[in-house]
Amino acid sequence: MSCCHASWTEPAAAGQKPGSMNRRQVIAGLAAAVPIAGRPFSMLKQAGALGIEMPEGACDAHVHIIADLKRYPMAADRDYTPAPATATSLAEMMQSHHLSRTVIVAAEVYGDDNDATLDAVRQLGLDRARGIAWLPKDRSVSGLKALKAAGIAGFRVLLDTSGKTSDKVLNAQFQHLLDNAVR
């Protein structure tokens, strides 16, 4: 299970867990609370929508895409149903917050399907986005090269605490990836 679920949806969005905070709320809270050289973030010049001046090349290093359900259905056995968070809304958020780049992490609600993540990276372009995918079923050298070419920079792993996957199996999977790493 993931430890957190970040999104750029508005408060009280459908599927948001009661009492949880989304990424915008956390950043806004920090901006109000943390001074820099005696000045709050909100007083910096040329600040973005949150009142924070972002450095050139600023990157949001962990976002999830929740795409069109008709095109990218969620896994039937998911634990929750998050609100939509499309590549288009991500691009708008990036512009309003003066972010240049992002890393899209495959959402747990899609199971091991990386298609929504791959499509979002494609929509934003390799100059602005990279992806973190679930371990693919096709772990051949050509399959890994295809993922790299599509903007996948790493793999997401949820360590199994249920006992369904042995350490031996996980070690073998990781060794295969290391042996076939595309550099």
C-alpha atoms as a PDB file:
ATOM      1  CA  MET A   1       0.000   0.000   0.000  1.00  0.00           C
ATOM      2  CA  SER A   2       1.136   3.548  -0.671  1.00  0.00           C
ATOM      3  CA  CYS A   3       1.904   5.792   2.233  1.00  0.00           C
ATOM      4  CA  CYS A   4       0.289   8.840   0.679  1.00  0.00           C
ATOM      5  CA  HIS A   5      -1.752   9.993  -2.280  1.00  0.00           C
ATOM      6  CA  ALA A   6      -0.849  13.400  -3.665  1.00  0.00           C
ATOM      7  CA  SER A   7      -3.024  15.183  -6.138  1.00  0.00           C
ATOM      8  CA  TRP A   8      -3.679  18.640  -7.455  1.00  0.00           C
ATOM      9  CA  THR A   9      -7.456  18.372  -7.138  1.00  0.00           C
ATOM     10  CA  GLU A  10      -9.446  20.858  -5.103  1.00  0.00           C
ATOM     11  CA  PRO A  11     -10.331  20.210  -1.433  1.00  0.00           C
ATOM     12  CA  ALA A  12     -13.266  17.892  -0.804  1.00  0.00           C
ATOM     13  CA  ALA A  13     -12.802  16.292  -4.203  1.00  0.00           C
ATOM     14  CA  ALA A  14     -14.620  13.051  -4.768  1.00  0.00           C
ATOM     15  CA  GLY A  15     -12.497  10.203  -3.495  1.00  0.00           C
ATOM     16  CA  GLN A  16     -10.319  12.375  -1.229  1.00  0.00           C
ATOM     17  CA  LYS A  17      -9.962  10.739   2.149  1.00  0.00           C
ATOM     18  CA  PRO A  18     -11.535  12.759   4.994  1.00  0.00           C
ATOM     19  CA  GLY A  19      -8.938  14.748   6.895  1.00  0.00           C
ATOM     20  CA  SER A  20      -6.300  14.334   4.183  1.00  0.00           C
ATOM     21  CA  MET A  21      -4.539  17.223   2.504  1.00  0.00           C
ATOM     22  CA  ASN A  22      -3.762  17.482  -1.156  1.00  0.00           C
ATOM     23  CA  ARG A  23      -0.435  18.757  -2.500  1.00  0.00           C
ATOM     24  CA  ARG A  24      -1.715  22.317  -3.027  1.00  0.00           C
ATOM     25  CA  GLN A  25      -2.914  22.544   0.584  1.00  0.00           C
ATOM     26  CA  VAL A  26       0.423  21.303   1.930  1.00  0.00           C
ATOM     27  CA  ILE A  27       2.478  23.729  -0.169  1.00  0.00           C
ATOM     28  CA  ALA A  28       0.170  26.648   0.659  1.00  0.00           C
ATOM     29  CA  GLY A  29       0.462  25.829   4.363  1.00  0.00           C
ATOM     30  CA  LEU A  30       4.246  25.736   4.144  1.00  0.00           C
ATOM     31  CA  ALA A  31       4.296  28.990   2.191  1.00  0.00           C
ATOM     32  CA  ALA A  32       2.355  30.709   4.936  1.00  0.00           C
ATOM     33  CA  ALA A  33       4.397  29.232   7.768  1.00  0.00           C
ATOM     34  CA  VAL A  34       8.030  29.146   6.655  1.00  0.00           C
ATOM     35  CA  PRO A  35       9.964  32.440   6.381  1.00  0.00           C
ATOM     36  CA  ILE A  36      13.022  32.858   4.156  1.00  0.00           C
ATOM     37  CA  ALA A  37      15.532  35.398   5.476  1.00  0.00           C
ATOM     38  CA  GLY A  38      12.798  36.973   7.557  1.00  0.00           C
ATOM     39  CA  ARG A  39      10.319  37.195   4.662  1.00  0.00           C
ATOM     40  CA  PRO A  40       7.436  34.781   4.047  1.00  0.00           C
ATOM     41  CA  PHE A  41       7.385  32.938   0.738  1.00  0.00           C
ATOM     42  CA  SER A  42       4.277  34.887  -0.234  1.00  0.00           C
ATOM     43  CA  MET A  43       6.284  38.134  -0.400  1.00  0.00           C
ATOM     44  CA  LEU A  44       8.838  36.939  -2.933  1.00  0.00           C
ATOM     45  CA  LYS A  45       8.811  38.718  -6.316  1.00  0.00           C
ATOM     46  CA  GLN A  46       7.376  37.074  -9.435  1.00  0.00           C
ATOM     47  CA  ALA A  47       5.812  34.305  -7.412  1.00  0.00           C
ATOM     48  CA  GLY A  48       3.528  31.689  -8.916  1.00  0.00           C
ATOM     49  CA  ALA A  49      -0.052  30.925  -7.914  1.00  0.00           C
ATOM     50  CA  LEU A  50       1.051  29.795  -4.454  1.00  0.00           C
ATOM     51  CA  GLY A  51       3.201  32.833  -3.778  1.00  0.00           C
ATOM     52  CA  ILE A  52       6.429  30.849  -4.111  1.00  0.00           C
ATOM     53  CA  GLU A  53       9.156  31.921  -6.495  1.00  0.00           C
ATOM     54  CA  MET A  54      10.189  28.758  -8.296  1.00  0.00           C
ATOM     55  CA  PRO A  55      13.764  28.412  -9.536  1.00  0.00           C
ATOM     56  CA  GLU A  56      14.443  27.827 -13.213  1.00  0.00           C
ATOM     57  CA  GLY A  57      13.810  24.163 -14.053  1.00  0.00           C
ATOM     58  CA  ALA A  58      11.666  23.491 -10.945  1.00  0.00           C
ATOM     59  CA  CYS A  59      10.273  19.952 -10.911  1.00  0.00           C
ATOM     60  CA  ASP A  60       7.310  18.342  -9.140  1.00  0.00           C
ATOM     61  CA  ALA A  61       8.882  14.956  -8.546  1.00  0.00           C
ATOM     62  CA  HIS A  62       5.797  12.905  -7.656  1.00  0.00           C
ATOM     63  CA  VAL A  63       2.392  13.283  -9.290  1.00  0.00           C
ATOM     64  CA  HIS A  64      -0.253  10.757 -10.294  1.00  0.00           C
ATOM     65  CA  ILE A  65      -2.415  10.918 -13.373  1.00  0.00           C
ATOM     66  CA  ILE A  66      -6.015   9.769 -13.069  1.00  0.00           C
ATOM     67  CA  ALA A  67      -7.129   9.751 -16.679  1.00  0.00           C
ATOM     68  CA  ASP A  68     -10.412   9.220 -18.526  1.00  0.00           C
ATOM     69  CA  LEU A  69     -11.991   6.068 -17.044  1.00  0.00           C
ATOM     70  CA  LYS A  70     -13.382   4.970 -20.418  1.00  0.00           C
ATOM     71  CA  ARG A  71      -9.921   4.994 -21.944  1.00  0.00           C
ATOM     72  CA  TYR A  72      -7.976   3.869 -18.852  1.00  0.00           C
ATOM     73  CA  PRO A  73     -10.172   1.792 -16.516  1.00  0.00           C
ATOM     74  CA  MET A  74      -9.028   1.370 -12.938  1.00  0.00           C
ATOM     75  CA  ALA A  75      -8.277  -2.021 -11.428  1.00  0.00           C
ATOM     76  CA  ALA A  76     -11.392  -3.732 -10.073  1.00  0.00           C
ATOM     77  CA  ASP A  77      -9.628  -4.627  -6.819  1.00  0.00           C
ATOM     78  CA  ARG A  78      -8.456  -1.081  -5.984  1.00  0.00           C
ATOM     79  CA  ASP A  79      -8.899   0.233  -2.430  1.00  0.00           C
ATOM     80  CA  TYR A  80     -10.189   3.691  -3.396  1.00  0.00           C
ATOM     81  CA  THR A  81     -11.356   5.758  -6.352  1.00  0.00           C
ATOM     82  CA  PRO A  82      -9.526   9.065  -6.714  1.00  0.00           C
ATOM     83  CA  ALA A  83     -10.858  12.138  -8.470  1.00  0.00           C
ATOM     84  CA  PRO A  84      -9.725  12.822 -12.042  1.00  0.00           C
ATOM     85  CA  ALA A  85      -6.292  14.403 -12.421  1.00  0.00           C
ATOM     86  CA  THR A  86      -5.582  14.560 -16.129  1.00  0.00           C
ATOM     87  CA  ALA A  87      -2.447  15.423 -18.061  1.00  0.00           C
ATOM     88  CA  THR A  88      -4.214  18.598 -19.202  1.00  0.00           C
ATOM     89  CA  SER A  89      -4.932  19.694 -15.624  1.00  0.00           C
ATOM     90  CA  LEU A  90      -1.345  18.815 -14.669  1.00  0.00           C
ATOM     91  CA  ALA A  91      -0.017  21.027 -17.471  1.00  0.00           C
ATOM     92  CA  GLU A  92      -2.257  23.879 -16.258  1.00  0.00           C
ATOM     93  CA  MET A  93      -1.077  23.401 -12.668  1.00  0.00           C
ATOM     94  CA  MET A  94       2.560  23.344 -13.788  1.00  0.00           C
ATOM     95  CA  GLN A  95       2.088  26.611 -15.667  1.00  0.00           C
ATOM     96  CA  SER A  96       0.296  28.359 -12.789  1.00  0.00           C
ATOM     97  CA  HIS A  97       2.998  27.283 -10.313  1.00  0.00           C
ATOM     98  CA  HIS A  98       5.901  28.006 -12.695  1.00  0.00           C
ATOM     99  CA  LEU A  99       7.059  24.383 -12.776  1.00  0.00           C
ATOM    100  CA  SER A 100       9.147  23.294 -15.749  1.00  0.00           C
ATOM    101  CA  ARG A 101       9.208  19.547 -15.271  1.00  0.00           C
ATOM    102  CA  THR A 102       7.420  16.691 -13.553  1.00  0.00           C
ATOM    103  CA  VAL A 103       7.756  13.018 -12.738  1.00  0.00           C
ATOM    104  CA  ILE A 104       4.527  11.063 -13.202  1.00  0.00           C
ATOM    105  CA  VAL A 105       4.333   8.044 -10.917  1.00  0.00           C
ATOM    106  CA  ALA A 106       2.036   5.214 -12.041  1.00  0.00           C
ATOM    107  CA  ALA A 107      -1.054   5.270  -9.827  1.00  0.00           C
ATOM    108  CA  GLU A 108      -1.823   2.228  -7.712  1.00  0.00           C
ATOM    109  CA  VAL A 109      -5.474   2.306  -8.819  1.00  0.00           C
ATOM    110  CA  TYR A 110      -4.417   1.076 -12.275  1.00  0.00           C
ATOM    111  CA  GLY A 111      -2.885  -2.136 -10.960  1.00  0.00           C
ATOM    112  CA  ASP A 112       0.128  -3.006 -13.107  1.00  0.00           C
ATOM    113  CA  ASP A 113      -1.155  -1.124 -16.171  1.00  0.00           C
ATOM    114  CA  ASN A 114       1.206   1.713 -17.172  1.00  0.00           C
ATOM    115  CA  ASP A 115      -0.824   3.032 -20.117  1.00  0.00           C
ATOM    116  CA  ALA A 116      -2.241   6.153 -18.382  1.00  0.00           C
ATOM    117  CA  THR A 117       1.243   7.128 -17.207  1.00  0.00           C
ATOM    118  CA  LEU A 118       2.793   6.550 -20.630  1.00  0.00           C
ATOM    119  CA  ASP A 119       0.059   8.582 -22.325  1.00  0.00           C
ATOM    120  CA  ALA A 120       0.477  11.480 -19.882  1.00  0.00           C
ATOM    121  CA  VAL A 121       4.245  11.570 -20.474  1.00  0.00           C
ATOM    122  CA  ARG A 122       3.535  11.563 -24.225  1.00  0.00           C
ATOM    123  CA  GLN A 123       1.005  14.410 -23.876  1.00  0.00           C
ATOM    124  CA  LEU A 124       3.362  16.594 -21.814  1.00  0.00           C
ATOM    125  CA  GLY A 125       6.425  15.718 -23.876  1.00  0.00           C
ATOM    126  CA  LEU A 126       9.827  14.358 -22.930  1.00  0.00           C
ATOM    127  CA  ASP A 127      11.129  17.895 -22.458  1.00  0.00           C
ATOM    128  CA  ARG A 128       8.759  18.302 -19.455  1.00  0.00           C
ATOM    129  CA  ALA A 129       7.905  14.847 -18.137  1.00  0.00           C
ATOM    130  CA  ARG A 130       9.300  11.483 -17.181  1.00  0.00           C
ATOM    131  CA  GLY A 131       7.478   8.499 -15.735  1.00  0.00           C
ATOM    132  CA  ILE A 132       7.894   5.920 -13.018  1.00  0.00           C
ATOM    133  CA  ALA A 133       6.139   2.710 -14.080  1.00  0.00           C
ATOM    134  CA  TRP A 134       5.082  -0.528 -12.458  1.00  0.00           C
ATOM    135  CA  LEU A 135       7.404  -3.437 -13.191  1.00  0.00           C
ATOM    136  CA  PRO A 136       6.326  -4.440 -16.688  1.00  0.00           C
ATOM    137  CA  LYS A 137       5.207  -7.912 -17.684  1.00  0.00           C
ATOM    138  CA  ASP A 138       7.515  -7.651 -20.697  1.00  0.00           C
ATOM    139  CA  ARG A 139      10.954  -7.410 -19.105  1.00  0.00           C
ATOM    140  CA  SER A 140      12.856  -8.186 -22.266  1.00  0.00           C
ATOM    141  CA  VAL A 141      15.666  -5.875 -23.318  1.00  0.00           C
ATOM    142  CA  SER A 142      13.512  -4.581 -26.185  1.00  0.00           C
ATOM    143  CA  GLY A 143      10.561  -4.028 -23.812  1.00  0.00           C
ATOM    144  CA  LEU A 144      12.744  -2.069 -21.376  1.00  0.00           C
ATOM    145  CA  LYS A 145      14.226  -0.026 -24.239  1.00  0.00           C
ATOM    146  CA  ALA A 146      10.703   0.814 -25.439  1.00  0.00           C
ATOM    147  CA  LEU A 147       9.738   2.059 -21.963  1.00  0.00           C
ATOM    148  CA  LYS A 148      12.909   4.155 -21.753  1.00  0.00           C
ATOM    149  CA  ALA A 149      12.218   5.669 -25.172  1.00  0.00           C
ATOM    150  CA  ALA A 150       8.678   6.510 -23.992  1.00  0.00           C
ATOM    151  CA  GLY A 151      10.068   8.440 -21.006  1.00  0.00           C
ATOM    152  CA  ILE A 152      10.070   5.848 -18.231  1.00  0.00           C
ATOM    153  CA  ALA A 153      13.002   6.615 -15.927  1.00  0.00           C
ATOM    154  CA  GLY A 154      12.407   4.024 -13.194  1.00  0.00           C
ATOM    155  CA  PHE A 155      10.064   1.485 -11.704  1.00  0.00           C
ATOM    156  CA  ARG A 156       7.646   1.651  -8.821  1.00  0.00           C
ATOM    157  CA  VAL A 157       7.631  -1.244  -6.398  1.00  0.00           C
ATOM    158  CA  LEU A 158       5.331  -1.892  -3.465  1.00  0.00           C
ATOM    159  CA  LEU A 159       7.058  -4.417  -1.298  1.00  0.00           C
ATOM    160  CA  ASP A 160       4.712  -7.267  -0.542  1.00  0.00           C
ATOM    161  CA  THR A 161       3.902  -7.563   3.136  1.00  0.00           C
ATOM    162  CA  SER A 162       1.099 -10.054   2.557  1.00  0.00           C
ATOM    163  CA  GLY A 163       3.443 -12.992   1.977  1.00  0.00           C
ATOM    164  CA  LYS A 164       2.177 -13.542  -1.592  1.00  0.00           C
ATOM    165  CA  THR A 165       5.567 -12.775  -3.137  1.00  0.00           C
ATOM    166  CA  SER A 166       8.735 -14.264  -1.699  1.00  0.00           C
ATOM    167  CA  ASP A 167      11.991 -12.371  -1.304  1.00  0.00           C
ATOM    168  CA  LYS A 168      13.541 -14.886  -3.688  1.00  0.00           C
ATOM    169  CA  VAL A 169      11.055 -13.978  -6.449  1.00  0.00           C
ATOM    170  CA  LEU A 170      11.517 -10.219  -5.890  1.00  0.00           C
ATOM    171  CA  ASN A 171      15.308 -10.584  -5.881  1.00  0.00           C
ATOM    172  CA  ALA A 172      15.173 -12.530  -9.146  1.00  0.00           C
ATOM    173  CA  GLN A 173      12.978  -9.840 -10.743  1.00  0.00           C
ATOM    174  CA  PHE A 174      15.307  -7.046  -9.669  1.00  0.00           C
ATOM    175  CA  GLN A 175      18.388  -8.954 -10.757  1.00  0.00           C
ATOM    176  CA  HIS A 176      16.831  -9.416 -14.204  1.00  0.00           C
ATOM    177  CA  LEU A 177      16.184  -5.682 -14.431  1.00  0.00           C
ATOM    178  CA  LEU A 178      19.729  -4.873 -13.349  1.00  0.00           C
ATOM    179  CA  ASP A 179      21.211  -7.392 -15.771  1.00  0.00           C
ATOM    180  CA  ASN A 180      19.190  -5.872 -18.616  1.00  0.00           C
ATOM    181  CA  ALA A 181      19.380  -2.239 -17.565  1.00  0.00           C
ATOM    182  CA  VAL A 182      19.257   0.127 -20.496  1.00  0.00           C
ATOM    183  CA  ARG A 183      21.847   2.841 -20.046  1.00  0.00           C
END
